[in-house]
C-alpha atoms as a PDB file:
ATOM      1  CA  MET A   1     -15.714   7.703   7.861  1.00  0.00           C
ATOM      2  CA  GLY A   2     -18.139   6.248   5.334  1.00  0.00           C
ATOM      3  CA  SER A   3     -18.832   2.616   4.627  1.00  0.00           C
ATOM      4  CA  ALA A   4     -15.228   1.586   5.359  1.00  0.00           C
ATOM      5  CA  SER A   5     -15.939   2.178   9.059  1.00  0.00           C
ATOM      6  CA  MET A   6     -18.050  -1.020   9.044  1.00  0.00           C
ATOM      7  CA  SER A   7     -15.343  -3.198   7.497  1.00  0.00           C
ATOM      8  CA  VAL A   8     -14.389  -6.298   9.492  1.00  0.00           C
ATOM      9  CA  PHE A   9     -10.657  -6.929   9.748  1.00  0.00           C
ATOM     10  CA  GLY A  10      -9.223 -10.236  10.922  1.00  0.00           C
ATOM     11  CA  LEU A  11      -6.154  -9.690  13.092  1.00  0.00           C
ATOM     12  CA  ILE A  12      -3.752 -12.433  14.230  1.00  0.00           C
ATOM     13  CA  GLY A  13      -0.769 -11.872  16.488  1.00  0.00           C
ATOM     14  CA  THR A  14       0.461 -11.838  20.069  1.00  0.00           C
ATOM     15  CA  ILE A  15      -0.038  -9.374  22.913  1.00  0.00           C
ATOM     16  CA  THR A  16       3.220  -8.387  24.583  1.00  0.00           C
ATOM     17  CA  SER A  17       4.394  -6.556  27.664  1.00  0.00           C
ATOM     18  CA  ASP A  18       7.206  -4.269  26.501  1.00  0.00           C
ATOM     19  CA  GLU A  19      10.117  -2.620  28.240  1.00  0.00           C
ATOM     20  CA  ILE A  20      11.625  -0.113  25.803  1.00  0.00           C
ATOM     21  CA  LEU A  21      15.090   1.316  26.441  1.00  0.00           C
ATOM     22  CA  TYR A  22      17.034   4.092  24.689  1.00  0.00           C
ATOM     23  CA  ASP A  23      20.721   4.994  24.983  1.00  0.00           C
ATOM     24  CA  ASP A  24      19.861   8.481  26.242  1.00  0.00           C
ATOM     25  CA  GLY A  25      18.188   7.026  29.320  1.00  0.00           C
ATOM     26  CA  ARG A  26      14.568   7.189  28.180  1.00  0.00           C
ATOM     27  CA  SER A  27      12.488   4.127  28.936  1.00  0.00           C
ATOM     28  CA  PHE A  28       8.863   3.097  28.504  1.00  0.00           C
ATOM     29  CA  ARG A  29       6.833   0.197  29.823  1.00  0.00           C
ATOM     30  CA  GLY A  30       3.471  -0.926  28.564  1.00  0.00           C
ATOM     31  CA  LEU A  31       1.397  -3.309  26.507  1.00  0.00           C
ATOM     32  CA  GLY A  32       2.281  -3.789  22.861  1.00  0.00           C
ATOM     33  CA  GLY A  33       2.570  -6.338  20.086  1.00  0.00           C
ATOM     34  CA  VAL A  34      -0.564  -6.857  18.010  1.00  0.00           C
ATOM     35  CA  LEU A  35      -2.385  -4.257  20.102  1.00  0.00           C
ATOM     36  CA  TYR A  36      -0.744  -1.486  18.060  1.00  0.00           C
ATOM     37  CA  GLN A  37      -2.569  -2.590  14.910  1.00  0.00           C
ATOM     38  CA  ALA A  38      -5.738  -3.210  16.914  1.00  0.00           C
ATOM     39  CA  ALA A  39      -5.604   0.283  18.439  1.00  0.00           C
ATOM     40  CA  ALA A  40      -5.178   1.988  15.079  1.00  0.00           C
ATOM     41  CA  LEU A  41      -7.801  -0.060  13.224  1.00  0.00           C
ATOM     42  CA  CYS A  42     -10.342   0.418  16.021  1.00  0.00           C
ATOM     43  CA  GLY A  43      -9.489   4.108  16.136  1.00  0.00           C
ATOM     44  CA  PHE A  44     -10.279   4.334  12.426  1.00  0.00           C
ATOM     45  CA  GLY A  45     -13.681   2.831  13.199  1.00  0.00           C
ATOM     46  CA  HIS A  46     -13.285  -0.714  11.909  1.00  0.00           C
ATOM     47  CA  ARG A  47     -14.562  -3.858  13.552  1.00  0.00           C
ATOM     48  CA  VAL A  48     -11.519  -5.931  14.449  1.00  0.00           C
ATOM     49  CA  ARG A  49     -11.819  -9.690  14.976  1.00  0.00           C
ATOM     50  CA  LEU A  50      -8.797 -10.422  17.143  1.00  0.00           C
ATOM     51  CA  ALA A  51      -7.182 -13.855  17.427  1.00  0.00           C
ATOM     52  CA  ALA A  52      -4.330 -13.711  19.936  1.00  0.00           C
ATOM     53  CA  ARG A  53      -2.877 -15.280  23.057  1.00  0.00           C
ATOM     54  CA  CYS A  54      -1.967 -13.343  26.162  1.00  0.00           C
ATOM     55  CA  GLY A  55      -0.485 -14.275  29.534  1.00  0.00           C
ATOM     56  CA  GLU A  56      -2.918 -14.453  32.451  1.00  0.00           C
ATOM     57  CA  ALA A  57      -0.690 -12.045  34.370  1.00  0.00           C
ATOM     58  CA  LEU A  58      -1.631  -9.338  31.846  1.00  0.00           C
ATOM     59  CA  ARG A  59      -5.404  -9.917  31.965  1.00  0.00           C
ATOM     60  CA  VAL A  60      -6.306  -6.913  34.145  1.00  0.00           C
ATOM     61  CA  PRO A  61      -4.430  -4.220  32.166  1.00  0.00           C
ATOM     62  CA  VAL A  62      -5.387  -5.770  28.827  1.00  0.00           C
ATOM     63  CA  GLU A  63      -9.098  -5.972  29.629  1.00  0.00           C
ATOM     64  CA  GLY A  64      -9.008  -2.460  31.056  1.00  0.00           C
ATOM     65  CA  LEU A  65      -7.464  -1.109  27.860  1.00  0.00           C
ATOM     66  CA  LEU A  66      -9.710  -3.019  25.458  1.00  0.00           C
ATOM     67  CA  SER A  67     -12.872  -1.923  27.252  1.00  0.00           C
ATOM     68  CA  ASP A  68     -12.348   1.492  25.639  1.00  0.00           C
ATOM     69  CA  TRP A  69     -12.276   0.042  22.100  1.00  0.00           C
ATOM     70  CA  PRO A  70     -15.931  -0.848  21.391  1.00  0.00           C
ATOM     71  CA  THR A  71     -15.335  -2.170  17.861  1.00  0.00           C
ATOM     72  CA  LEU A  72     -12.880  -4.862  18.974  1.00  0.00           C
ATOM     73  CA  GLU A  73     -14.249  -8.426  18.941  1.00  0.00           C
ATOM     74  CA  ARG A  74     -12.483 -10.307  21.736  1.00  0.00           C
ATOM     75  CA  GLY A  75     -13.882 -13.824  21.342  1.00  0.00           C
ATOM     76  CA  GLY A  76     -10.573 -15.021  19.908  1.00  0.00           C
ATOM     77  CA  LEU A  77      -8.460 -13.565  22.723  1.00  0.00           C
ATOM     78  CA  LEU A  78      -7.256 -16.458  24.866  1.00  0.00           C
ATOM     79  CA  PHE A  79      -5.545 -15.932  28.223  1.00  0.00           C
ATOM     80  CA  VAL A  80      -3.025 -18.645  29.070  1.00  0.00           C
ATOM     81  CA  PRO A  81      -1.214 -19.330  32.363  1.00  0.00           C
ATOM     82  CA  GLY A  82       1.942 -17.404  33.114  1.00  0.00           C
ATOM     83  CA  PRO A  83       3.471 -13.970  32.515  1.00  0.00           C
ATOM     84  CA  GLY A  84       2.862 -13.949  28.759  1.00  0.00           C
ATOM     85  CA  ASN A  85       5.153 -12.462  26.131  1.00  0.00           C
ATOM     86  CA  ARG A  86       7.525 -10.171  28.014  1.00  0.00           C
ATOM     87  CA  VAL A  87       9.873  -8.300  25.684  1.00  0.00           C
ATOM     88  CA  GLU A  88      12.853  -6.017  26.254  1.00  0.00           C
ATOM     89  CA  LEU A  89      13.580  -3.717  23.307  1.00  0.00           C
ATOM     90  CA  ARG A  90      16.738  -1.628  23.127  1.00  0.00           C
ATOM     91  CA  TYR A  91      17.310   1.150  20.600  1.00  0.00           C
ATOM     92  CA  SER A  92      20.891   2.320  20.059  1.00  0.00           C
ATOM     93  CA  GLU A  93      22.902   4.240  17.489  1.00  0.00           C
ATOM     94  CA  ARG A  94      25.289   1.280  17.365  1.00  0.00           C
ATOM     95  CA  LEU A  95      22.520  -1.013  16.116  1.00  0.00           C
ATOM     96  CA  LYS A  96      21.151  -1.086  12.581  1.00  0.00           C
ATOM     97  CA  GLU A  97      17.911  -2.375  14.064  1.00  0.00           C
ATOM     98  CA  ARG A  98      16.674  -2.628  17.620  1.00  0.00           C
ATOM     99  CA  GLU A  99      17.887  -5.394  19.915  1.00  0.00           C
ATOM    100  CA  GLU A 100      15.246  -7.687  21.356  1.00  0.00           C
ATOM    101  CA  VAL A 101      15.265 -10.042  24.322  1.00  0.00           C
ATOM    102  CA  LEU A 102      12.196 -12.243  24.784  1.00  0.00           C
ATOM    103  CA  ARG A 103      11.962 -12.924  28.522  1.00  0.00           C
ATOM    104  CA  SER A 104       8.968 -15.263  28.317  1.00  0.00           C
ATOM    105  CA  VAL A 105       6.643 -16.491  25.579  1.00  0.00           C
ATOM    106  CA  VAL A 106       3.151 -17.906  25.063  1.00  0.00           C
ATOM    107  CA  PRO A 107       2.438 -21.052  22.982  1.00  0.00           C
ATOM    108  CA  PRO A 108       1.525 -20.746  19.282  1.00  0.00           C
ATOM    109  CA  LEU A 109      -2.054 -19.856  18.441  1.00  0.00           C
ATOM    110  CA  ASP A 110      -4.631 -22.458  17.432  1.00  0.00           C
ATOM    111  CA  PRO A 111      -6.285 -21.279  14.166  1.00  0.00           C
ATOM    112  CA  SER A 112      -9.710 -22.819  14.875  1.00  0.00           C
ATOM    113  CA  TYR A 113     -11.458 -19.668  16.112  1.00  0.00           C
ATOM    114  CA  LEU A 114     -10.671 -17.602  13.040  1.00  0.00           C
ATOM    115  CA  LEU A 115     -11.151 -20.474  10.579  1.00  0.00           C
ATOM    116  CA  GLU A 116     -14.810 -20.559  11.633  1.00  0.00           C
ATOM    117  CA  ARG A 117     -15.242 -16.781  11.271  1.00  0.00           C
ATOM    118  CA  MET A 118     -13.595 -15.696   8.017  1.00  0.00           C
ATOM    119  CA  ALA A 119     -16.492 -15.366   5.591  1.00  0.00           C
ATOM    120  CA  ASP A 120     -17.192 -11.668   6.209  1.00  0.00           C
ATOM    121  CA  LEU A 121     -13.618 -10.381   6.510  1.00  0.00           C
ATOM    122  CA  LYS A 122     -12.636  -7.392   4.384  1.00  0.00           C
ATOM    123  CA  LEU A 123      -8.925  -7.923   5.011  1.00  0.00           C
ATOM    124  CA  LEU A 124      -6.873 -10.316   7.121  1.00  0.00           C
ATOM    125  CA  LEU A 125      -3.703  -9.195   8.891  1.00  0.00           C
ATOM    126  CA  MET A 126      -1.098 -11.656  10.193  1.00  0.00           C
ATOM    127  CA  VAL A 127       1.580 -10.117  12.430  1.00  0.00           C
ATOM    128  CA  PHE A 128       4.510 -12.151  13.743  1.00  0.00           C
ATOM    129  CA  ASN A 129       5.119 -10.313  17.009  1.00  0.00           C
ATOM    130  CA  SER A 130       7.233 -13.035  18.604  1.00  0.00           C
ATOM    131  CA  GLY A 131       8.095 -15.544  15.869  1.00  0.00           C
ATOM    132  CA  PHE A 132       6.323 -18.158  18.013  1.00  0.00           C
ATOM    133  CA  ASP A 133       2.858 -16.823  17.102  1.00  0.00           C
ATOM    134  CA  MET A 134       1.656 -19.647  14.826  1.00  0.00           C
ATOM    135  CA  GLU A 135       3.154 -22.777  13.307  1.00  0.00           C
ATOM    136  CA  LEU A 136       3.518 -22.939   9.525  1.00  0.00           C
ATOM    137  CA  PRO A 137       0.983 -25.773   8.913  1.00  0.00           C
ATOM    138  CA  ASP A 138      -1.676 -23.867  10.877  1.00  0.00           C
ATOM    139  CA  TRP A 139      -0.917 -20.652   9.003  1.00  0.00           C
ATOM    140  CA  ARG A 140      -1.232 -22.506   5.683  1.00  0.00           C
ATOM    141  CA  ARG A 141      -4.759 -23.581   6.752  1.00  0.00           C
ATOM    142  CA  ILE A 142      -5.662 -19.950   7.395  1.00  0.00           C
ATOM    143  CA  ALA A 143      -4.163 -18.707   4.128  1.00  0.00           C
ATOM    144  CA  ARG A 144      -5.953 -21.370   2.063  1.00  0.00           C
ATOM    145  CA  ALA A 145      -9.287 -20.618   3.731  1.00  0.00           C
ATOM    146  CA  ALA A 146      -9.125 -16.841   3.303  1.00  0.00           C
ATOM    147  CA  ARG A 147     -11.483 -15.289   0.754  1.00  0.00           C
ATOM    148  CA  CYS A 148     -10.150 -11.784   1.307  1.00  0.00           C
ATOM    149  CA  PRO A 149      -6.785 -10.094   0.741  1.00  0.00           C
ATOM    150  CA  ILE A 150      -4.095 -10.975   3.302  1.00  0.00           C
ATOM    151  CA  TRP A 151      -1.503  -8.573   4.712  1.00  0.00           C
ATOM    152  CA  MET A 152       1.514 -10.199   6.389  1.00  0.00           C
ATOM    153  CA  ASP A 153       4.106  -8.418   8.543  1.00  0.00           C
ATOM    154  CA  ILE A 154       7.000 -10.906   8.587  1.00  0.00           C
ATOM    155  CA  HIS A 155       8.685  -9.143  11.543  1.00  0.00           C
ATOM    156  CA  SER A 156       9.913 -11.556  14.249  1.00  0.00           C
ATOM    157  CA  LEU A 157       9.951 -14.635  12.019  1.00  0.00           C
ATOM    158  CA  CYS A 158      13.424 -13.334  11.127  1.00  0.00           C
ATOM    159  CA  LEU A 159      14.672 -13.551  14.729  1.00  0.00           C
ATOM    160  CA  ALA A 160      16.275 -16.604  16.320  1.00  0.00           C
ATOM    161  CA  ARG A 161      13.715 -18.625  18.286  1.00  0.00           C
ATOM    162  CA  ILE A 162      15.349 -18.239  21.678  1.00  0.00           C
ATOM    163  CA  VAL A 163      14.190 -16.935  25.050  1.00  0.00           C
ATOM    164  CA  GLY A 164      16.249 -15.075  27.632  1.00  0.00           C
ATOM    165  CA  ALA A 165      19.071 -13.741  25.431  1.00  0.00           C
ATOM    166  CA  PRO A 166      19.456 -11.172  22.618  1.00  0.00           C
ATOM    167  CA  ARG A 167      17.870 -12.559  19.461  1.00  0.00           C
ATOM    168  CA  ASP A 168      20.065 -12.489  16.374  1.00  0.00           C
ATOM    169  CA  TYR A 169      18.600 -11.922  12.935  1.00  0.00           C
ATOM    170  CA  VAL A 170      18.810 -15.195  11.020  1.00  0.00           C
ATOM    171  CA  ALA A 171      18.315 -16.355   7.454  1.00  0.00           C
ATOM    172  CA  LEU A 172      14.714 -17.284   6.621  1.00  0.00           C
ATOM    173  CA  PRO A 173      14.919 -19.537   3.540  1.00  0.00           C
ATOM    174  CA  GLU A 174      11.365 -20.821   4.127  1.00  0.00           C
ATOM    175  CA  TRP A 175       9.835 -17.351   3.673  1.00  0.00           C
ATOM    176  CA  ARG A 176       8.229 -18.396   0.393  1.00  0.00           C
ATOM    177  CA  GLU A 177       6.122 -20.982   2.206  1.00  0.00           C
ATOM    178  CA  TRP A 178       4.963 -18.354   4.688  1.00  0.00           C
ATOM    179  CA  VAL A 179       3.979 -15.786   2.045  1.00  0.00           C
ATOM    180  CA  GLU A 180       2.222 -18.145  -0.393  1.00  0.00           C
ATOM    181  CA  GLY A 181      -1.261 -16.675  -0.880  1.00  0.00           C
ATOM    182  CA  VAL A 182      -0.389 -13.348   0.782  1.00  0.00           C
ATOM    183  CA  THR A 183      -1.522 -10.185  -1.010  1.00  0.00           C
ATOM    184  CA  TYR A 184       0.508  -7.510   0.796  1.00  0.00           C
ATOM    185  CA  LEU A 185       3.909  -8.268   2.340  1.00  0.00           C
ATOM    186  CA  GLN A 186       5.539  -5.922   4.865  1.00  0.00           C
ATOM    187  CA  ALA A 187       9.161  -6.088   6.061  1.00  0.00           C
ATOM    188  CA  ASN A 188      11.983  -3.741   6.966  1.00  0.00           C
ATOM    189  CA  ARG A 189      15.393  -3.776   5.288  1.00  0.00           C
ATOM    190  CA  GLN A 190      16.883  -6.100   7.896  1.00  0.00           C
ATOM    191  CA  GLU A 191      14.032  -8.577   7.459  1.00  0.00           C
ATOM    192  CA  VAL A 192      14.438  -8.507   3.679  1.00  0.00           C
ATOM    193  CA  ALA A 193      18.122  -9.297   4.237  1.00  0.00           C
ATOM    194  CA  CYS A 194      17.090 -12.349   6.277  1.00  0.00           C
ATOM    195  CA  MET A 195      14.742 -13.555   3.556  1.00  0.00           C
ATOM    196  CA  LEU A 196      17.544 -13.102   1.024  1.00  0.00           C
ATOM    197  CA  GLY A 197      19.724 -15.327   3.224  1.00  0.00           C
ATOM    198  CA  ARG A 198      22.191 -12.534   4.086  1.00  0.00           C
ATOM    199  CA  PRO A 199      21.190 -11.153   7.507  1.00  0.00           C
ATOM    200  CA  GLU A 200      24.667  -9.653   8.037  1.00  0.00           C
ATOM    201  CA  ARG A 201      24.041  -6.715   5.676  1.00  0.00           C
ATOM    202  CA  TRP A 202      21.178  -4.604   4.426  1.00  0.00           C
ATOM    203  CA  PRO A 203      20.262  -5.126   0.766  1.00  0.00           C
ATOM    204  CA  GLU A 204      20.769  -2.554  -1.950  1.00  0.00           C
ATOM    205  CA  ARG A 205      17.697  -1.259  -3.749  1.00  0.00           C
ATOM    206  CA  GLU A 206      18.345  -3.556  -6.728  1.00  0.00           C
ATOM    207  CA  GLU A 207      18.377  -6.547  -4.374  1.00  0.00           C
ATOM    208  CA  ILE A 208      15.104  -5.445  -2.789  1.00  0.00           C
ATOM    209  CA  GLU A 209      13.531  -5.180  -6.241  1.00  0.00           C
ATOM    210  CA  ALA A 210      14.748  -8.682  -7.127  1.00  0.00           C
ATOM    211  CA  PHE A 211      13.317  -9.989  -3.850  1.00  0.00           C
ATOM    212  CA  ALA A 212       9.978  -8.334  -4.657  1.00  0.00           C
ATOM    213  CA  ARG A 213       9.875  -9.988  -8.086  1.00  0.00           C
ATOM    214  CA  ASP A 214      10.325 -13.342  -6.364  1.00  0.00           C
ATOM    215  CA  ALA A 215       7.421 -12.464  -4.041  1.00  0.00           C
ATOM    216  CA  PHE A 216       5.246 -11.434  -6.998  1.00  0.00           C
ATOM    217  CA  ASP A 217       5.821 -14.880  -8.511  1.00  0.00           C
ATOM    218  CA  ARG A 218       4.107 -16.264  -5.382  1.00  0.00           C
ATOM    219  CA  SER A 219       0.919 -14.195  -5.726  1.00  0.00           C
ATOM    220  CA  VAL A 220       2.028 -11.159  -3.677  1.00  0.00           C
ATOM    221  CA  ARG A 221       0.635  -7.979  -5.253  1.00  0.00           C
ATOM    222  CA  ALA A 222       2.626  -5.392  -3.295  1.00  0.00           C
ATOM    223  CA  VAL A 223       5.712  -5.345  -1.072  1.00  0.00           C
ATOM    224  CA  PHE A 224       6.203  -2.601   1.528  1.00  0.00           C
ATOM    225  CA  VAL A 225       9.761  -2.194   2.832  1.00  0.00           C
ATOM    226  CA  THR A 226       9.845   0.176   5.797  1.00  0.00           C
ATOM    227  CA  MET A 227      13.004   2.299   5.954  1.00  0.00           C
ATOM    228  CA  GLY A 228      12.678   4.315   9.136  1.00  0.00           C
ATOM    229  CA  LYS A 229      12.862   8.073   8.676  1.00  0.00           C
ATOM    230  CA  ASP A 230      13.423   7.563   4.926  1.00  0.00           C
ATOM    231  CA  GLY A 231       9.862   6.313   4.454  1.00  0.00           C
ATOM    232  CA  VAL A 232       8.559   3.155   2.786  1.00  0.00           C
ATOM    233  CA  LEU A 233       9.746   1.617  -0.471  1.00  0.00           C
ATOM    234  CA  THR A 234       6.538   0.401  -2.109  1.00  0.00           C
ATOM    235  CA  LEU A 235       6.840  -2.135  -4.911  1.00  0.00           C
ATOM    236  CA  THR A 236       4.262  -3.612  -7.276  1.00  0.00           C
ATOM    237  CA  PRO A 237       4.786  -5.667 -10.451  1.00  0.00           C
ATOM    238  CA  ASP A 238       4.349  -2.442 -12.469  1.00  0.00           C
ATOM    239  CA  ASP A 239       5.933   0.295 -10.357  1.00  0.00           C
ATOM    240  CA  VAL A 240       8.391   1.077  -7.564  1.00  0.00           C
ATOM    241  CA  ARG A 241       8.080   4.225  -5.465  1.00  0.00           C
ATOM    242  CA  LEU A 242       9.755   5.532  -2.344  1.00  0.00           C
ATOM    243  CA  ILE A 243       7.006   7.068  -0.220  1.00  0.00           C
ATOM    244  CA  GLN A 244       8.946   9.668   1.717  1.00  0.00           C
ATOM    245  CA  ALA A 245       8.189  10.384   5.343  1.00  0.00           C
ATOM    246  CA  PRO A 246       7.300  13.941   6.411  1.00  0.00           C
ATOM    247  CA  ARG A 247       9.778  15.398   8.856  1.00  0.00           C
ATOM    248  CA  ALA A 248       8.704  14.630  12.411  1.00  0.00           C
ATOM    249  CA  ASP A 249       8.449  17.622  14.741  1.00  0.00           C
ATOM    250  CA  ARG A 250       9.762  15.515  17.614  1.00  0.00           C
ATOM    251  CA  VAL A 251      10.698  11.893  18.274  1.00  0.00           C
ATOM    252  CA  VAL A 252       9.457  10.302  21.496  1.00  0.00           C
ATOM    253  CA  ASP A 253       9.194   6.565  20.757  1.00  0.00           C
ATOM    254  CA  THR A 254       9.500   4.763  17.414  1.00  0.00           C
ATOM    255  CA  THR A 255       8.019   1.484  18.687  1.00  0.00           C
ATOM    256  CA  GLY A 256       4.918   0.522  16.730  1.00  0.00           C
ATOM    257  CA  CYS A 257       5.407   2.962  13.850  1.00  0.00           C
ATOM    258  CA  GLY A 258       5.551   0.157  11.284  1.00  0.00           C
ATOM    259  CA  ASP A 259       2.393  -1.291  12.830  1.00  0.00           C
ATOM    260  CA  ILE A 260       0.611   2.038  12.503  1.00  0.00           C
ATOM    261  CA  PHE A 261       1.771   2.380   8.884  1.00  0.00           C
ATOM    262  CA  CYS A 262       0.242  -1.027   8.218  1.00  0.00           C
ATOM    263  CA  ALA A 263      -3.089  -0.241   9.871  1.00  0.00           C
ATOM    264  CA  ALA A 264      -3.444   3.181   8.253  1.00  0.00           C
ATOM    265  CA  THR A 265      -2.610   1.822   4.796  1.00  0.00           C
ATOM    266  CA  MET A 266      -5.099  -1.036   5.220  1.00  0.00           C
ATOM    267  CA  HIS A 267      -7.722   1.466   6.343  1.00  0.00           C
ATOM    268  CA  ARG A 268      -7.379   3.447   3.132  1.00  0.00           C
ATOM    269  CA  LEU A 269      -7.254   0.331   0.949  1.00  0.00           C
ATOM    270  CA  ALA A 270     -10.532  -0.815   2.522  1.00  0.00           C
ATOM    271  CA  ALA A 271     -12.032   2.549   1.612  1.00  0.00           C
ATOM    272  CA  GLY A 272     -11.093   2.002  -2.055  1.00  0.00           C
ATOM    273  CA  ALA A 273      -7.956   4.141  -2.282  1.00  0.00           C
ATOM    274  CA  ALA A 274      -5.294   3.333  -4.847  1.00  0.00           C
ATOM    275  CA  LEU A 275      -2.320   1.472  -3.395  1.00  0.00           C
ATOM    276  CA  PHE A 276       0.267   4.272  -3.532  1.00  0.00           C
ATOM    277  CA  GLU A 277      -2.237   6.791  -2.180  1.00  0.00           C
ATOM    278  CA  ALA A 278      -3.013   4.434   0.701  1.00  0.00           C
ATOM    279  CA  ALA A 279       0.693   3.935   1.407  1.00  0.00           C
ATOM    280  CA  ALA A 280       1.274   7.703   1.430  1.00  0.00           C
ATOM    281  CA  PHE A 281      -1.470   8.078   4.040  1.00  0.00           C
ATOM    282  CA  GLY A 282       0.084   5.264   6.079  1.00  0.00           C
ATOM    283  CA  VAL A 283       3.516   6.901   6.023  1.00  0.00           C
ATOM    284  CA  THR A 284       2.060  10.240   7.101  1.00  0.00           C
ATOM    285  CA  ILE A 285       0.215   8.733  10.073  1.00  0.00           C
ATOM    286  CA  ALA A 286       3.254   6.669  11.108  1.00  0.00           C
ATOM    287  CA  SER A 287       5.408   9.808  10.991  1.00  0.00           C
ATOM    288  CA  GLY A 288       3.021  11.481  13.411  1.00  0.00           C
ATOM    289  CA  ALA A 289       3.173   8.463  15.712  1.00  0.00           C
ATOM    290  CA  VAL A 290       6.887   8.905  16.490  1.00  0.00           C
ATOM    291  CA  GLY A 291       5.944  11.879  18.652  1.00  0.00           C
ATOM    292  CA  LEU A 292       3.715   9.696  20.838  1.00  0.00           C
ATOM    293  CA  SER A 293       4.072   6.690  23.105  1.00  0.00           C
ATOM    294  CA  GLY A 294       1.599   3.999  24.104  1.00  0.00           C
ATOM    295  CA  LEU A 295      -1.577   2.404  22.842  1.00  0.00           C
ATOM    296  CA  GLU A 296      -4.005   5.007  24.163  1.00  0.00           C
ATOM    297  CA  ALA A 297      -2.154   7.636  22.118  1.00  0.00           C
ATOM    298  CA  THR A 298      -2.211   5.350  19.055  1.00  0.00           C
ATOM    299  CA  TYR A 299      -5.975   4.923  19.316  1.00  0.00           C
ATOM    300  CA  ALA A 300      -6.495   8.684  19.706  1.00  0.00           C
ATOM    301  CA  LEU A 301      -4.209   9.420  16.751  1.00  0.00           C
ATOM    302  CA  ALA A 302      -6.211   7.136  14.460  1.00  0.00           C
ATOM    303  CA  ARG A 303      -9.522   8.604  15.611  1.00  0.00           C
ATOM    304  CA  SER A 304      -8.359  12.108  14.709  1.00  0.00           C
ATOM    305  CA  SER A 305      -6.246  11.352  11.624  1.00  0.00           C
ATOM    306  CA  ASP A 306      -8.859  10.247   9.115  1.00  0.00           C
ATOM    307  CA  ARG A 307      -9.863  13.892   8.675  1.00  0.00           C
ATOM    308  CA  GLU A 308      -6.342  14.802   7.583  1.00  0.00           C
ATOM    309  CA  ASN A 309      -5.326  15.146   3.933  1.00  0.00           C
ATOM    310  CA  PRO A 310      -4.286  11.672   2.727  1.00  0.00           C
ATOM    311  CA  GLN A 311      -1.952  13.192   0.138  1.00  0.00           C
ATOM    312  CA  ARG A 312       0.547  14.646   2.605  1.00  0.00           C
ATOM    313  CA  GLY A 313       3.067  11.882   1.985  1.00  0.00           C
ATOM    314  CA  THR A 314       5.103  12.259  -1.211  1.00  0.00           C
ATOM    315  CA  ALA A 315       6.317   9.640  -3.640  1.00  0.00           C
ATOM    316  CA  ARG A 316       9.150   9.500  -6.078  1.00  0.00           C
END
């Protein structure tokens, strides 16, 4: 894997316990959240400096899983009393996006651990798995201290901060404060709608491009809008391309596919690939992930995928 295998990635997020439900009766239970990115990045051979909180009730399965990922640095993993982040995810044809119920939550993360250990980071990834992951003033401290590119997945910041009931998508007018200093911004169409202040409808392509221009004015260099089976709309100040997804042979579980896209794209960027080439690789790996379920499969996919042709994704 070359010199990129020794890159150190900072990773901030929350570990979750997921119950995943589909209309056809399929269901899955397992660990999730920030562990999807961790699994893929470790599978690609990177050192991952994790900063996350996890419920004490999940300690045994989490430590058992992470013991198989030797490149994961766990000094920033803090176990807190209680059940942790327990999430119910429902996928349905009637929903534009999945429906989420947060059954329990952990407190926001203290940034101190990572603030003391940022000097050697190649890239820093901030993932909002719950929307409660970190308070804005603490995130601003992290963003100001970073000396490396930052990737942000806005994700659950666009969900209502409630526990025990379905979480509506809500307007996020303060998104500019969150993304100040971010290099790469990831969102899906629904999350872009929230940042535009219109969560009730998905934006047209022209609206997405206008949103991206606003982000570029705040130092963002690239915006990645994930579009499910249609691929990823990738925008820079100079170009806009739809990176189309290869047709999946089978679909088992779509949970974590955006996370795997993120990790695979970051992996190629760290190796020196051009941005659109890296995004094409990320889309290809994420398309393969829909035929799998669980973190062990994600780790194995990343370990085997770096030998594949990175040009399999197509752009237009």
